[in-house]
C-alpha atoms as a PDB file:
ATOM      1  CA  MET A   1     151.798  75.352  69.984  1.00  0.00           C
ATOM      2  CA  SER A   2     152.531  77.031  72.994  1.00  0.00           C
ATOM      3  CA  THR A   3     155.499  76.059  75.216  1.00  0.00           C
ATOM      4  CA  THR A   4     153.049  75.662  78.491  1.00  0.00           C
ATOM      5  CA  SER A   5     150.044  73.125  78.011  1.00  0.00           C
ATOM      6  CA  LYS A   6     146.514  74.574  78.542  1.00  0.00           C
ATOM      7  CA  VAL A   7     143.977  72.804  80.820  1.00  0.00           C
ATOM      8  CA  ALA A   8     140.229  74.424  80.993  1.00  0.00           C
ATOM      9  CA  LEU A   9     137.756  73.033  83.295  1.00  0.00           C
ATOM     10  CA  TYR A  10     134.021  73.995  84.161  1.00  0.00           C
ATOM     11  CA  GLN A  11     131.133  72.647  85.829  1.00  0.00           C
ATOM     12  CA  ASP A  12     128.219  73.499  87.554  1.00  0.00           C
ATOM     13  CA  ASP A  13     124.625  71.977  88.362  1.00  0.00           C
ATOM     14  CA  THR A  14     123.803  71.368  85.303  1.00  0.00           C
ATOM     15  CA  ARG A  15     126.844  71.691  82.647  1.00  0.00           C
ATOM     16  CA  ALA A  16     130.280  70.192  82.893  1.00  0.00           C
ATOM     17  CA  TRP A  17     133.322  70.314  79.858  1.00  0.00           C
ATOM     18  CA  GLY A  18     137.129  70.370  79.567  1.00  0.00           C
ATOM     19  CA  LEU A  19     139.692  71.512  77.363  1.00  0.00           C
ATOM     20  CA  ILE A  20     143.121  69.484  77.066  1.00  0.00           C
ATOM     21  CA  GLU A  21     146.221  70.953  75.177  1.00  0.00           C
ATOM     22  CA  GLY A  22     147.858  68.350  73.671  1.00  0.00           C
ATOM     23  CA  ASP A  23     148.607  65.539  70.773  1.00  0.00           C
ATOM     24  CA  ALA A  24     145.497  63.513  70.122  1.00  0.00           C
ATOM     25  CA  LEU A  25     147.499  60.202  70.137  1.00  0.00           C
ATOM     26  CA  LEU A  26     148.900  60.832  73.457  1.00  0.00           C
ATOM     27  CA  THR A  27     146.408  62.231  75.420  1.00  0.00           C
ATOM     28  CA  LEU A  28     143.687  59.672  74.222  1.00  0.00           C
ATOM     29  CA  ALA A  29     146.247  57.087  75.515  1.00  0.00           C
ATOM     30  CA  LYS A  30     145.738  58.466  78.989  1.00  0.00           C
ATOM     31  CA  LEU A  31     142.287  58.090  79.414  1.00  0.00           C
ATOM     32  CA  PRO A  32     140.230  55.184  80.538  1.00  0.00           C
ATOM     33  CA  THR A  33     138.964  52.609  79.052  1.00  0.00           C
ATOM     34  CA  HIS A  34     135.199  52.878  78.031  1.00  0.00           C
ATOM     35  CA  SER A  35     134.708  56.324  79.252  1.00  0.00           C
ATOM     36  CA  VAL A  36     132.887  57.981  76.810  1.00  0.00           C
ATOM     37  CA  ASP A  37     129.311  57.892  75.279  1.00  0.00           C
ATOM     38  CA  ALA A  38     130.062  59.355  71.991  1.00  0.00           C
ATOM     39  CA  ILE A  39     132.974  60.872  69.749  1.00  0.00           C
ATOM     40  CA  VAL A  40     131.948  63.960  67.736  1.00  0.00           C
ATOM     41  CA  THR A  41     134.887  65.176  65.253  1.00  0.00           C
ATOM     42  CA  ASP A  42     135.941  66.895  62.710  1.00  0.00           C
ATOM     43  CA  PRO A  43     139.448  65.676  62.251  1.00  0.00           C
ATOM     44  CA  PRO A  44     142.307  66.766  59.590  1.00  0.00           C
ATOM     45  CA  TYR A  45     141.600  65.853  56.092  1.00  0.00           C
ATOM     46  CA  GLY A  46     145.428  64.884  55.157  1.00  0.00           C
ATOM     47  CA  ILE A  47     144.780  67.019  52.133  1.00  0.00           C
ATOM     48  CA  ASP A  48     147.571  69.656  53.210  1.00  0.00           C
ATOM     49  CA  PHE A  49     144.948  72.665  53.791  1.00  0.00           C
ATOM     50  CA  GLY A  50     145.966  75.595  53.619  1.00  0.00           C
ATOM     51  CA  GLY A  51     149.463  74.435  54.200  1.00  0.00           C
ATOM     52  CA  GLU A  52     149.096  73.456  58.106  1.00  0.00           C
ATOM     53  CA  ALA A  53     151.663  71.239  59.143  1.00  0.00           C
ATOM     54  CA  TRP A  54     148.997  69.277  61.147  1.00  0.00           C
ATOM     55  CA  ASP A  55     147.094  69.083  57.657  1.00  0.00           C
ATOM     56  CA  GLY A  56     149.674  67.192  56.270  1.00  0.00           C
ATOM     57  CA  VAL A  57     153.675  66.656  57.125  1.00  0.00           C
ATOM     58  CA  ASP A  58     152.958  66.155  60.303  1.00  0.00           C
ATOM     59  CA  ILE A  59     150.203  63.460  59.626  1.00  0.00           C
ATOM     60  CA  ARG A  60     153.305  61.746  57.592  1.00  0.00           C
ATOM     61  CA  HIS A  61     155.802  62.081  59.643  1.00  0.00           C
ATOM     62  CA  THR A  62     153.231  60.661  62.530  1.00  0.00           C
ATOM     63  CA  ALA A  63     152.450  57.538  60.320  1.00  0.00           C
ATOM     64  CA  GLY A  64     155.908  56.816  58.623  1.00  0.00           C
ATOM     65  CA  SER A  65     158.104  54.591  59.989  1.00  0.00           C
ATOM     66  CA  ASP A  66     162.692  54.703  59.409  1.00  0.00           C
ATOM     67  CA  GLY A  67     163.115  54.210  56.121  1.00  0.00           C
ATOM     68  CA  GLU A  68     159.541  53.501  54.750  1.00  0.00           C
ATOM     69  CA  ARG A  69     158.103  55.942  51.897  1.00  0.00           C
ATOM     70  CA  LEU A  70     154.662  55.569  52.076  1.00  0.00           C
ATOM     71  CA  SER A  71     152.151  58.133  49.740  1.00  0.00           C
ATOM     72  CA  ALA A  72     150.364  60.872  51.674  1.00  0.00           C
ATOM     73  CA  SER A  73     147.239  59.035  51.285  1.00  0.00           C
ATOM     74  CA  GLU A  74     148.922  55.815  52.669  1.00  0.00           C
ATOM     75  CA  ALA A  75     149.829  57.650  55.561  1.00  0.00           C
ATOM     76  CA  PHE A  76     146.564  59.358  55.964  1.00  0.00           C
ATOM     77  CA  GLN A  77     144.968  55.685  56.926  1.00  0.00           C
ATOM     78  CA  ARG A  78     147.685  54.430  58.683  1.00  0.00           C
ATOM     79  CA  TRP A  79     147.455  57.751  61.274  1.00  0.00           C
ATOM     80  CA  THR A  80     143.806  57.551  61.055  1.00  0.00           C
ATOM     81  CA  ALA A  81     143.599  53.663  62.313  1.00  0.00           C
ATOM     82  CA  VAL A  82     145.931  54.770  65.237  1.00  0.00           C
ATOM     83  CA  TRP A  83     144.065  57.543  66.605  1.00  0.00           C
ATOM     84  CA  ALA A  84     140.609  55.470  65.687  1.00  0.00           C
ATOM     85  CA  ALA A  85     141.875  52.762  67.876  1.00  0.00           C
ATOM     86  CA  GLU A  86     142.048  54.782  70.679  1.00  0.00           C
ATOM     87  CA  CYS A  87     138.842  56.189  70.403  1.00  0.00           C
ATOM     88  CA  ARG A  88     137.466  52.479  70.222  1.00  0.00           C
ATOM     89  CA  ARG A  89     139.099  51.895  73.359  1.00  0.00           C
ATOM     90  CA  VAL A  90     138.092  54.617  75.422  1.00  0.00           C
ATOM     91  CA  LEU A  91     134.141  54.214  73.624  1.00  0.00           C
ATOM     92  CA  LYS A  92     131.579  52.206  75.792  1.00  0.00           C
ATOM     93  CA  PRO A  93     130.450  49.285  73.851  1.00  0.00           C
ATOM     94  CA  GLY A  94     127.729  50.353  71.467  1.00  0.00           C
ATOM     95  CA  GLY A  95     129.253  53.996  71.231  1.00  0.00           C
ATOM     96  CA  HIS A  96     128.772  55.789  68.208  1.00  0.00           C
ATOM     97  CA  MET A  97     131.597  57.976  66.415  1.00  0.00           C
ATOM     98  CA  VAL A  98     130.687  60.473  63.678  1.00  0.00           C
ATOM     99  CA  ALA A  99     133.759  62.118  61.870  1.00  0.00           C
ATOM    100  CA  PHE A 100     133.960  64.431  59.169  1.00  0.00           C
ATOM    101  CA  GLY A 101     136.194  63.939  56.245  1.00  0.00           C
ATOM    102  CA  ALA A 102     137.301  65.386  52.684  1.00  0.00           C
ATOM    103  CA  PRO A 103     135.533  63.702  49.458  1.00  0.00           C
ATOM    104  CA  ARG A 104     139.104  63.064  48.057  1.00  0.00           C
ATOM    105  CA  THR A 105     140.615  61.687  51.133  1.00  0.00           C
ATOM    106  CA  PHE A 106     137.188  60.314  52.877  1.00  0.00           C
ATOM    107  CA  HIS A 107     137.859  56.490  51.707  1.00  0.00           C
ATOM    108  CA  ARG A 108     141.105  56.541  53.659  1.00  0.00           C
ATOM    109  CA  LEU A 109     139.164  57.794  56.534  1.00  0.00           C
ATOM    110  CA  VAL A 110     136.754  54.854  56.315  1.00  0.00           C
ATOM    111  CA  CYS A 111     139.040  52.582  55.639  1.00  0.00           C
ATOM    112  CA  GLY A 112     141.591  53.452  58.481  1.00  0.00           C
ATOM    113  CA  ILE A 113     138.100  53.365  61.267  1.00  0.00           C
ATOM    114  CA  GLU A 114     137.369  50.398  60.093  1.00  0.00           C
ATOM    115  CA  ASP A 115     140.928  48.994  60.631  1.00  0.00           C
ATOM    116  CA  ALA A 116     140.903  49.823  64.246  1.00  0.00           C
ATOM    117  CA  GLY A 117     137.941  47.803  64.716  1.00  0.00           C
ATOM    118  CA  LEU A 118     134.692  50.219  64.731  1.00  0.00           C
ATOM    119  CA  GLU A 119     131.781  49.136  62.650  1.00  0.00           C
ATOM    120  CA  VAL A 120     130.680  51.368  59.692  1.00  0.00           C
ATOM    121  CA  ARG A 121     126.949  52.021  60.057  1.00  0.00           C
ATOM    122  CA  ASP A 122     126.259  54.634  57.944  1.00  0.00           C
ATOM    123  CA  VAL A 123     127.705  57.974  55.477  1.00  0.00           C
ATOM    124  CA  LEU A 124     126.073  61.021  55.847  1.00  0.00           C
ATOM    125  CA  MET A 125     125.966  64.018  53.404  1.00  0.00           C
ATOM    126  CA  TRP A 126     126.010  67.554  54.542  1.00  0.00           C
ATOM    127  CA  LEU A 127     125.522  70.082  51.356  1.00  0.00           C
ATOM    128  CA  ASN A 128     126.263  73.535  51.653  1.00  0.00           C
ATOM    129  CA  GLY A 129     126.332  76.076  48.522  1.00  0.00           C
ATOM    130  CA  HIS A 130     129.531  77.997  50.344  1.00  0.00           C
ATOM    131  CA  GLY A 131     132.710  76.412  48.590  1.00  0.00           C
ATOM    132  CA  LEU A 132     134.340  77.542  45.658  1.00  0.00           C
ATOM    133  CA  PRO A 133     136.376  76.093  43.120  1.00  0.00           C
ATOM    134  CA  LYS A 134     139.741  75.763  43.997  1.00  0.00           C
ATOM    135  CA  SER A 135     140.988  75.052  40.332  1.00  0.00           C
ATOM    136  CA  ARG A 136     143.198  76.809  37.790  1.00  0.00           C
ATOM    137  CA  ARG A 137     141.744  78.462  34.838  1.00  0.00           C
ATOM    138  CA  LEU A 138     142.962  76.840  31.815  1.00  0.00           C
ATOM    139  CA  PRO A 139     142.261  78.474  27.953  1.00  0.00           C
ATOM    140  CA  GLY A 140     139.384  76.973  26.508  1.00  0.00           C
ATOM    141  CA  GLY A 141     137.070  77.252  29.560  1.00  0.00           C
ATOM    142  CA  ARG A 142     139.218  74.129  31.119  1.00  0.00           C
ATOM    143  CA  GLY A 143     139.822  73.451  34.829  1.00  0.00           C
ATOM    144  CA  THR A 144     141.364  71.311  37.116  1.00  0.00           C
ATOM    145  CA  ALA A 145     138.462  70.980  39.632  1.00  0.00           C
ATOM    146  CA  LEU A 146     135.115  70.708  40.575  1.00  0.00           C
ATOM    147  CA  LYS A 147     133.026  73.230  42.940  1.00  0.00           C
ATOM    148  CA  PRO A 148     132.804  71.331  46.417  1.00  0.00           C
ATOM    149  CA  ALA A 149     129.387  71.166  47.645  1.00  0.00           C
ATOM    150  CA  TYR A 150     129.375  68.637  50.420  1.00  0.00           C
ATOM    151  CA  GLU A 151     131.352  66.844  53.046  1.00  0.00           C
ATOM    152  CA  PRO A 152     130.989  63.514  54.265  1.00  0.00           C
ATOM    153  CA  ILE A 153     130.472  62.199  57.524  1.00  0.00           C
ATOM    154  CA  LEU A 154     131.173  58.868  58.696  1.00  0.00           C
ATOM    155  CA  LEU A 155     128.584  57.020  61.283  1.00  0.00           C
ATOM    156  CA  ALA A 156     130.487  54.103  62.841  1.00  0.00           C
ATOM    157  CA  ARG A 157     129.850  52.110  66.187  1.00  0.00           C
ATOM    158  CA  ALA A 158     131.875  50.199  68.772  1.00  0.00           C
ATOM    159  CA  PRO A 159     131.583  46.674  68.387  1.00  0.00           C
ATOM    160  CA  LEU A 160     128.245  45.639  71.060  1.00  0.00           C
ATOM    161  CA  VAL A 161     128.552  43.722  73.813  1.00  0.00           C
ATOM    162  CA  GLY A 162     125.720  40.957  73.128  1.00  0.00           C
ATOM    163  CA  THR A 163     122.561  41.786  71.366  1.00  0.00           C
ATOM    164  CA  THR A 164     121.662  45.944  71.081  1.00  0.00           C
ATOM    165  CA  PRO A 165     118.510  45.556  74.143  1.00  0.00           C
ATOM    166  CA  ARG A 166     121.552  44.040  76.507  1.00  0.00           C
ATOM    167  CA  ASN A 167     123.836  46.784  75.479  1.00  0.00           C
ATOM    168  CA  LEU A 168     121.440  49.656  76.006  1.00  0.00           C
ATOM    169  CA  GLU A 169     120.739  48.004  79.299  1.00  0.00           C
ATOM    170  CA  ALA A 170     124.282  47.630  80.781  1.00  0.00           C
ATOM    171  CA  TRP A 171     125.801  50.381  78.719  1.00  0.00           C
ATOM    172  CA  GLY A 172     123.178  52.860  77.751  1.00  0.00           C
ATOM    173  CA  THR A 173     124.580  52.910  74.224  1.00  0.00           C
ATOM    174  CA  GLY A 174     124.275  51.200  70.905  1.00  0.00           C
ATOM    175  CA  ALA A 175     121.379  52.691  69.412  1.00  0.00           C
ATOM    176  CA  LEU A 176     120.610  56.072  67.859  1.00  0.00           C
ATOM    177  CA  ASN A 177     117.947  58.655  69.640  1.00  0.00           C
ATOM    178  CA  ILE A 178     115.272  59.103  66.675  1.00  0.00           C
ATOM    179  CA  ALA A 179     112.647  60.569  68.543  1.00  0.00           C
ATOM    180  CA  PRO A 180     114.492  63.664  69.541  1.00  0.00           C
ATOM    181  CA  SER A 181     116.040  64.135  65.788  1.00  0.00           C
ATOM    182  CA  ARG A 182     113.317  64.161  63.843  1.00  0.00           C
ATOM    183  CA  VAL A 183     113.613  67.113  61.434  1.00  0.00           C
ATOM    184  CA  THR A 184     111.263  70.013  60.506  1.00  0.00           C
ATOM    185  CA  GLY A 185     109.577  72.267  62.699  1.00  0.00           C
ATOM    186  CA  ALA A 186     107.738  69.085  64.945  1.00  0.00           C
ATOM    187  CA  GLN A 187     105.589  70.877  66.811  1.00  0.00           C
ATOM    188  CA  ALA A 188     105.945  67.910  69.939  1.00  0.00           C
ATOM    189  CA  PRO A 189     108.736  65.371  70.283  1.00  0.00           C
ATOM    190  CA  GLY A 190     108.446  62.525  68.296  1.00  0.00           C
ATOM    191  CA  ASP A 191     106.701  64.691  65.438  1.00  0.00           C
ATOM    192  CA  GLY A 192     108.078  64.894  62.104  1.00  0.00           C
ATOM    193  CA  TYR A 193     110.290  63.208  59.826  1.00  0.00           C
ATOM    194  CA  TRP A 194     112.762  60.171  60.673  1.00  0.00           C
ATOM    195  CA  PRO A 195     116.422  61.546  60.632  1.00  0.00           C
ATOM    196  CA  ALA A 196     117.892  61.045  57.403  1.00  0.00           C
ATOM    197  CA  ASN A 197     121.374  60.681  56.100  1.00  0.00           C
ATOM    198  CA  LEU A 198     121.285  63.856  54.223  1.00  0.00           C
ATOM    199  CA  VAL A 199     121.495  67.311  55.544  1.00  0.00           C
ATOM    200  CA  LEU A 200     121.160  70.823  53.814  1.00  0.00           C
ATOM    201  CA  SER A 201     123.179  74.140  54.626  1.00  0.00           C
ATOM    202  CA  HIS A 202     122.263  77.640  53.156  1.00  0.00           C
ATOM    203  CA  GLY A 203     125.108  79.272  51.322  1.00  0.00           C
ATOM    204  CA  ASP A 204     126.617  82.516  52.370  1.00  0.00           C
ATOM    205  CA  GLY A 205     124.994  84.714  50.680  1.00  0.00           C
ATOM    206  CA  CYS A 206     121.501  83.878  51.813  1.00  0.00           C
ATOM    207  CA  THR A 207     119.295  85.772  53.914  1.00  0.00           C
ATOM    208  CA  GLU A 208     115.757  85.144  55.471  1.00  0.00           C
ATOM    209  CA  ARG A 209     113.936  86.465  52.100  1.00  0.00           C
ATOM    210  CA  SER A 210     115.989  85.315  49.369  1.00  0.00           C
ATOM    211  CA  CYS A 211     118.817  82.318  48.704  1.00  0.00           C
ATOM    212  CA  GLN A 212     121.639  82.568  46.291  1.00  0.00           C
ATOM    213  CA  PRO A 213     121.463  80.680  43.189  1.00  0.00           C
ATOM    214  CA  ASP A 214     123.371  77.858  43.903  1.00  0.00           C
ATOM    215  CA  CYS A 215     122.232  77.533  47.724  1.00  0.00           C
ATOM    216  CA  PRO A 216     120.953  73.874  48.377  1.00  0.00           C
ATOM    217  CA  VAL A 217     118.219  74.315  50.208  1.00  0.00           C
ATOM    218  CA  ALA A 218     116.571  76.830  47.460  1.00  0.00           C
ATOM    219  CA  LEU A 219     117.425  74.218  44.789  1.00  0.00           C
ATOM    220  CA  LEU A 220     115.995  71.308  46.425  1.00  0.00           C
ATOM    221  CA  ASP A 221     112.612  73.505  47.025  1.00  0.00           C
ATOM    222  CA  ARG A 222     112.647  75.308  43.279  1.00  0.00           C
ATOM    223  CA  SER A 223     110.413  72.110  42.400  1.00  0.00           C
ATOM    224  CA  PRO A 224     107.798  71.596  43.315  1.00  0.00           C
ATOM    225  CA  ALA A 225     107.996  74.702  45.527  1.00  0.00           C
ATOM    226  CA  TRP A 226     104.476  74.338  47.537  1.00  0.00           C
ATOM    227  CA  ALA A 227     106.361  71.330  48.980  1.00  0.00           C
ATOM    228  CA  ARG A 228     109.122  72.692  50.429  1.00  0.00           C
ATOM    229  CA  PRO A 229     111.069  69.280  50.549  1.00  0.00           C
ATOM    230  CA  SER A 230     114.160  70.802  52.114  1.00  0.00           C
ATOM    231  CA  ARG A 231     112.203  71.004  55.468  1.00  0.00           C
ATOM    232  CA  GLN A 232     113.105  67.449  55.937  1.00  0.00           C
ATOM    233  CA  PHE A 233     117.012  67.863  55.777  1.00  0.00           C
ATOM    234  CA  TYR A 234     117.732  71.505  56.962  1.00  0.00           C
ATOM    235  CA  CYS A 235     120.627  72.896  58.890  1.00  0.00           C
ATOM    236  CA  THR A 236     121.719  76.475  58.860  1.00  0.00           C
ATOM    237  CA  LYS A 237     125.237  77.892  57.818  1.00  0.00           C
ATOM    238  CA  ALA A 238     127.929  79.055  60.970  1.00  0.00           C
ATOM    239  CA  SER A 239     127.585  82.748  60.202  1.00  0.00           C
ATOM    240  CA  LYS A 240     130.517  85.101  61.245  1.00  0.00           C
ATOM    241  CA  ARG A 241     128.417  86.306  64.668  1.00  0.00           C
ATOM    242  CA  GLU A 242     128.117  82.572  65.622  1.00  0.00           C
ATOM    243  CA  ARG A 243     131.892  81.963  64.556  1.00  0.00           C
ATOM    244  CA  GLU A 244     133.303  85.224  66.936  1.00  0.00           C
ATOM    245  CA  ALA A 245     131.089  84.953  69.405  1.00  0.00           C
ATOM    246  CA  GLY A 246     132.655  84.886  72.824  1.00  0.00           C
ATOM    247  CA  CYS A 247     135.736  85.692  71.318  1.00  0.00           C
ATOM    248  CA  ASP A 248     136.241  89.646  71.758  1.00  0.00           C
ATOM    249  CA  GLU A 249     139.028  89.731  73.762  1.00  0.00           C
ATOM    250  CA  LEU A 250     141.431  87.643  72.006  1.00  0.00           C
ATOM    251  CA  PRO A 251     144.001  89.269  69.572  1.00  0.00           C
ATOM    252  CA  VAL A 252     142.497  89.753  66.184  1.00  0.00           C
ATOM    253  CA  ARG A 253     144.565  88.282  63.117  1.00  0.00           C
ATOM    254  CA  SER A 254     144.606  88.033  59.568  1.00  0.00           C
ATOM    255  CA  ILE A 255     143.528  84.896  57.887  1.00  0.00           C
ATOM    256  CA  ALA A 256     143.632  84.073  54.271  1.00  0.00           C
ATOM    257  CA  ILE A 257     139.903  83.426  52.757  1.00  0.00           C
ATOM    258  CA  TYR A 258     140.137  81.948  49.562  1.00  0.00           C
ATOM    259  CA  ARG A 259     137.575  83.626  46.560  1.00  0.00           C
ATOM    260  CA  GLY A 260     137.666  81.616  43.650  1.00  0.00           C
ATOM    261  CA  GLN A 261     141.044  82.774  42.153  1.00  0.00           C
ATOM    262  CA  SER A 262     142.682  84.470  44.767  1.00  0.00           C
ATOM    263  CA  HIS A 263     143.148  84.568  48.394  1.00  0.00           C
ATOM    264  CA  HIS A 264     141.676  87.715  50.507  1.00  0.00           C
ATOM    265  CA  LEU A 265     142.569  88.598  53.941  1.00  0.00           C
ATOM    266  CA  ARG A 266     140.113  88.950  56.445  1.00  0.00           C
ATOM    267  CA  ARG A 267     140.548  90.048  60.622  1.00  0.00           C
ATOM    268  CA  ARG A 268     139.043  87.465  62.682  1.00  0.00           C
ATOM    269  CA  HIS A 269     139.310  86.567  66.108  1.00  0.00           C
ATOM    270  CA  ASN A 270     138.545  83.114  65.327  1.00  0.00           C
ATOM    271  CA  THR A 271     141.180  81.939  63.271  1.00  0.00           C
ATOM    272  CA  HIS A 272     140.120  78.677  62.747  1.00  0.00           C
ATOM    273  CA  PRO A 273     139.860  77.621  59.091  1.00  0.00           C
ATOM    274  CA  THR A 274     136.984  75.024  59.217  1.00  0.00           C
ATOM    275  CA  VAL A 275     134.466  75.966  61.811  1.00  0.00           C
ATOM    276  CA  LYS A 276     131.119  74.075  61.583  1.00  0.00           C
ATOM    277  CA  PRO A 277     128.111  75.230  62.234  1.00  0.00           C
ATOM    278  CA  VAL A 278     126.427  74.589  65.630  1.00  0.00           C
ATOM    279  CA  SER A 279     123.025  73.719  64.692  1.00  0.00           C
ATOM    280  CA  LEU A 280     124.634  70.691  62.822  1.00  0.00           C
ATOM    281  CA  MET A 281     126.711  69.941  65.641  1.00  0.00           C
ATOM    282  CA  ARG A 282     123.836  69.748  67.984  1.00  0.00           C
ATOM    283  CA  TRP A 283     122.014  67.613  65.725  1.00  0.00           C
ATOM    284  CA  LEU A 284     124.675  65.396  64.783  1.00  0.00           C
ATOM    285  CA  VAL A 285     125.416  65.320  68.995  1.00  0.00           C
ATOM    286  CA  ALA A 286     121.733  64.600  69.944  1.00  0.00           C
ATOM    287  CA  LEU A 287     121.513  61.954  67.780  1.00  0.00           C
ATOM    288  CA  ILE A 288     124.240  59.698  68.774  1.00  0.00           C
ATOM    289  CA  THR A 289     124.451  60.483  72.462  1.00  0.00           C
ATOM    290  CA  PRO A 290     122.558  59.289  75.119  1.00  0.00           C
ATOM    291  CA  PRO A 291     120.998  61.700  77.845  1.00  0.00           C
ATOM    292  CA  GLU A 292     123.505  63.393  80.167  1.00  0.00           C
ATOM    293  CA  GLY A 293     126.331  61.024  78.348  1.00  0.00           C
ATOM    294  CA  VAL A 294     130.040  62.114  77.966  1.00  0.00           C
ATOM    295  CA  VAL A 295     130.743  63.343  74.121  1.00  0.00           C
ATOM    296  CA  LEU A 296     134.963  63.187  73.435  1.00  0.00           C
ATOM    297  CA  ASP A 297     136.397  65.635  70.327  1.00  0.00           C
ATOM    298  CA  PRO A 298     139.884  64.668  69.810  1.00  0.00           C
ATOM    299  CA  PHE A 299     140.590  67.478  67.588  1.00  0.00           C
ATOM    300  CA  THR A 300     138.364  70.048  69.512  1.00  0.00           C
ATOM    301  CA  GLY A 301     139.486  72.871  66.890  1.00  0.00           C
ATOM    302  CA  SER A 302     137.556  76.329  67.793  1.00  0.00           C
ATOM    303  CA  GLY A 303     135.271  73.995  69.793  1.00  0.00           C
ATOM    304  CA  SER A 304     131.710  73.730  67.457  1.00  0.00           C
ATOM    305  CA  THR A 305     131.497  70.209  69.173  1.00  0.00           C
ATOM    306  CA  GLY A 306     131.478  71.308  72.735  1.00  0.00           C
ATOM    307  CA  ILE A 307     129.433  74.216  72.079  1.00  0.00           C
ATOM    308  CA  ALA A 308     126.827  71.847  70.674  1.00  0.00           C
ATOM    309  CA  VAL A 309     127.436  69.630  74.210  1.00  0.00           C
ATOM    310  CA  VAL A 310     126.791  72.064  76.062  1.00  0.00           C
ATOM    311  CA  LEU A 311     123.457  73.274  74.362  1.00  0.00           C
ATOM    312  CA  GLU A 312     122.091  69.880  74.148  1.00  0.00           C
ATOM    313  CA  ASP A 313     122.781  69.066  78.284  1.00  0.00           C
ATOM    314  CA  ARG A 314     125.575  66.621  77.886  1.00  0.00           C
ATOM    315  CA  MET A 315     128.969  66.747  79.201  1.00  0.00           C
ATOM    316  CA  PHE A 316     132.307  67.572  76.860  1.00  0.00           C
ATOM    317  CA  LEU A 317     135.949  66.626  76.727  1.00  0.00           C
ATOM    318  CA  GLY A 318     138.060  68.309  74.367  1.00  0.00           C
ATOM    319  CA  ILE A 319     141.557  67.683  72.776  1.00  0.00           C
ATOM    320  CA  GLU A 320     143.347  70.382  70.797  1.00  0.00           C
ATOM    321  CA  ARG A 321     146.849  70.173  70.018  1.00  0.00           C
ATOM    322  CA  GLU A 322     147.398  73.856  68.845  1.00  0.00           C
ATOM    323  CA  GLY A 323     147.091  76.741  71.624  1.00  0.00           C
ATOM    324  CA  GLU A 324     145.461  79.104  69.405  1.00  0.00           C
ATOM    325  CA  TYR A 325     142.796  76.763  68.892  1.00  0.00           C
ATOM    326  CA  ILE A 326     142.472  75.996  72.547  1.00  0.00           C
ATOM    327  CA  ASP A 327     141.820  79.769  73.481  1.00  0.00           C
ATOM    328  CA  ILE A 328     139.684  80.135  70.869  1.00  0.00           C
ATOM    329  CA  ALA A 329     137.710  77.091  71.884  1.00  0.00           C
ATOM    330  CA  CYS A 330     137.980  77.674  75.605  1.00  0.00           C
ATOM    331  CA  ALA A 331     136.358  81.719  74.841  1.00  0.00           C
ATOM    332  CA  ARG A 332     133.614  79.941  72.708  1.00  0.00           C
ATOM    333  CA  LEU A 333     132.651  77.827  75.163  1.00  0.00           C
ATOM    334  CA  THR A 334     132.602  79.883  77.875  1.00  0.00           C
ATOM    335  CA  HIS A 335     130.214  82.235  75.768  1.00  0.00           C
ATOM    336  CA  TRP A 336     128.025  79.538  75.017  1.00  0.00           C
ATOM    337  CA  THR A 337     127.640  78.195  78.352  1.00  0.00           C
ATOM    338  CA  HIS A 338     126.394  81.555  79.841  1.00  0.00           C
ATOM    339  CA  GLU A 339     123.872  81.920  76.789  1.00  0.00           C
ATOM    340  CA  ALA A 340     122.866  78.650  77.804  1.00  0.00           C
ATOM    341  CA  GLY A 341     121.936  79.322  81.504  1.00  0.00           C
ATOM    342  CA  LYS A 342     120.187  82.735  80.471  1.00  0.00           C
ATOM    343  CA  GLU A 343     118.164  81.479  77.445  1.00  0.00           C
ATOM    344  CA  PRO A 344     116.206  78.548  76.270  1.00  0.00           C
ATOM    345  CA  VAL A 345     118.100  77.049  73.703  1.00  0.00           C
END
């Protein structure tokens, strides 16, 4: 984290966004009560991802008190409850939150968010074909882990004030935007399939003509091929072009990419390890955010939520502790804001 905090703001006639460099817990505490319409976030998973302090030791340090011994999962749940309580406070009554999680710590994420007073509404599944098994290869065809192929996403809601219709009238929140979130190439708004709690993503090696063997889209469509059921649950992956767009002026760094049994170095402008696809984030933003609403992401990372908010014509506020990621998010948001102004999205 840099020694000087950064604040980036943008506003024109149709779009507005802001980024704040700061710790989520400290910054959330300064936001006004009932000031945001929705929260879309990809918080740390508490799994010591890549040995990063923000996904391990920092969580345990924040959650523990003097002399108290907590397991990593207990610390993660307690830490989650703290930031989720602030999210409940800043959300308008009935405002929704979606939060990504890792399969092995997701139950702690759900419990922490529920402990904070938010209502658990559903669990969405994002299926993707680009995970690799982080497993030891042992004699006799044995291993220690399965290949990851999905990420769970929690859908939660701040408590209503009164009935749903009354809450909608008073605050504009409390319900999901079903019509604009219907899927599969609908010809007009309101057509297509009712949005489901399952989203598919193509694999890294897929092209417009063919898919890699373990691609979820291809596996679902294989039988019966004529029906193409994947049309109900489609989401594209985050390509290198999408990840790097707008980051040309940032320094190039080497990052370790896991490839089965070893790590390979790749040169990237966008060094964030868990960039989510913009199409997926747009769908989530459109699903839970009222028109012209304010979306908060307290763990902004490289800014994919903010990009989705800009493209969906909502207002965005992002919080990110790491100065390196703030620079990346600002560059990406600036690029996509200009693109949104030039072309239909």
